[in-house]
Protein backbone atom coordinates (compact mmCIF):
# COMPACT_ATOMS: atom_id res chain seq x y z
CA UNK A 1 -0.40 -0.11 -0.01
CA UNK A 2 1.17 3.14 -0.99
CA UNK A 3 1.82 6.40 2.03
CA UNK A 4 -0.82 7.92 -0.29
CA UNK A 5 -3.24 5.36 0.38
CA UNK A 6 -2.53 4.91 3.73
CA UNK A 7 -3.13 8.59 4.15
CA UNK A 8 -6.28 9.16 2.36
CA UNK A 9 -7.84 5.93 4.18
CA UNK A 10 -7.08 7.54 7.61
CA UNK A 11 -8.46 10.88 6.55
CA UNK A 12 -11.31 9.07 4.92
CA UNK A 13 -11.88 7.23 9.22
CA UNK A 14 -11.42 10.72 10.45
CA UNK A 15 -14.18 12.42 8.32
CA UNK A 16 -16.63 9.72 8.94
CA UNK A 17 -16.25 9.79 12.56
CA UNK A 18 -16.77 13.32 11.93
CA UNK A 19 -20.11 12.90 10.51
CA UNK A 20 -20.81 10.70 13.08
CA UNK A 21 -19.87 13.58 15.92
CA UNK A 22 -22.30 16.04 13.81
CA UNK A 23 -25.04 13.96 13.62
CA UNK A 24 -24.61 12.95 17.48
CA UNK A 25 -24.65 16.96 18.06
CA UNK A 26 -27.78 17.52 15.94
CA UNK A 27 -29.85 14.83 17.54
CA UNK A 28 -28.65 15.96 21.35
CA UNK A 29 -29.84 19.75 20.22
CA UNK A 30 -32.94 18.61 18.90
CA UNK A 31 -33.49 16.04 22.37
CA UNK A 32 -32.36 19.20 24.54
CA UNK A 33 -33.60 22.08 22.73
CA UNK A 34 -36.70 21.62 20.18
CA UNK A 35 -38.09 18.72 22.28
CA UNK A 36 -37.52 20.42 25.17
CA UNK A 37 -39.36 23.57 24.38
CA UNK A 38 -42.06 21.35 22.51
CA UNK A 39 -43.10 19.44 25.91
CA UNK A 40 -42.55 22.31 28.03
CA UNK A 41 -45.33 23.94 25.59
CA UNK A 42 -47.58 20.80 25.75
CA UNK A 43 -47.32 20.61 29.63
CA UNK A 44 -48.44 24.10 29.97
CA UNK A 45 -51.34 24.02 27.32
CA UNK A 46 -52.70 20.38 27.96
CA UNK A 47 -54.14 18.93 31.09
CA UNK A 48 -55.28 15.29 31.68
CA UNK A 49 -54.47 11.97 31.97
CA UNK A 50 -53.72 11.94 28.09
CA UNK A 51 -51.42 14.74 28.46
CA UNK A 52 -49.49 12.94 30.76
CA UNK A 53 -49.14 9.97 29.14
CA UNK A 54 -47.92 11.45 25.73
CA UNK A 55 -45.18 13.63 27.83
CA UNK A 56 -44.09 10.29 29.88
CA UNK A 57 -43.69 8.97 25.98
CA UNK A 58 -42.39 11.36 24.71
CA UNK A 59 -39.33 11.66 27.68
CA UNK A 60 -38.47 8.12 26.67
CA UNK A 61 -38.06 9.34 23.03
CA UNK A 62 -36.26 12.06 24.44
CA UNK A 63 -34.30 9.62 26.21
CA UNK A 64 -33.74 7.33 23.65
CA UNK A 65 -32.25 10.07 21.14
CA UNK A 66 -29.67 10.96 23.87
CA UNK A 67 -29.11 7.05 24.28
CA UNK A 68 -28.75 7.25 20.35
CA UNK A 69 -26.48 10.61 20.05
CA UNK A 70 -23.62 9.18 23.09
CA UNK A 71 -23.65 5.71 20.90
CA UNK A 72 -22.95 7.85 17.86
CA UNK A 73 -20.11 9.93 20.16
CA UNK A 74 -18.54 6.41 20.99
CA UNK A 75 -18.72 4.87 17.80
CA UNK A 76 -16.95 7.83 16.29
CA UNK A 77 -14.01 7.69 19.23
CA UNK A 78 -13.70 3.99 18.56
CA UNK A 79 -13.38 4.82 14.97
CA UNK A 80 -10.57 7.38 15.52
CA UNK A 81 -9.08 5.16 17.74
CA UNK A 82 -8.99 2.24 15.41
CA UNK A 83 -7.95 4.55 12.74
CA UNK A 84 -4.66 5.67 14.46
CA UNK A 85 -3.92 2.24 15.23
CA UNK A 86 -4.36 1.22 11.88
CA UNK A 87 -2.52 4.08 10.18
CA UNK A 88 0.56 3.62 12.78
CA UNK A 89 0.70 -0.36 11.52
CA UNK A 90 0.64 0.70 7.29
CA UNK A 91 2.72 3.25 8.22
CA UNK A 92 5.52 1.08 9.93
CA UNK A 93 5.06 -1.74 7.58
CA UNK A 94 5.26 0.43 4.99
CA UNK A 95 8.54 2.03 6.45
CA UNK A 96 9.71 -1.65 6.81
CA UNK A 97 9.20 -2.78 3.26
CA UNK A 98 10.78 0.94 2.02
CA UNK A 99 14.00 -0.23 4.31
CA UNK A 100 14.00 -4.14 2.94
CA UNK A 101 14.18 -2.55 -1.04
CA UNK A 102 16.76 -0.12 -0.42
């Protein structure tokens, strides 16, 4: 594998991890911002048993969204870690191969 290919694969992996981080941040903003605002408005304007049921379900969905966000961040971190280890190993192998050919 060439140095260029190794560098490009590493950059691609880091880019994909960044996309996951961005998606996680968007989900977190939705759950903590828009959804929180909507739930607050609903609780202020809708009373009764059905309102309570709806809000409990909304809170569960909010928690689920935050869990997905956390998992996306964890996946992004894992991708970065694996990419770094792979990059280091491939660069070491390339250097070794180049030394053998000299």
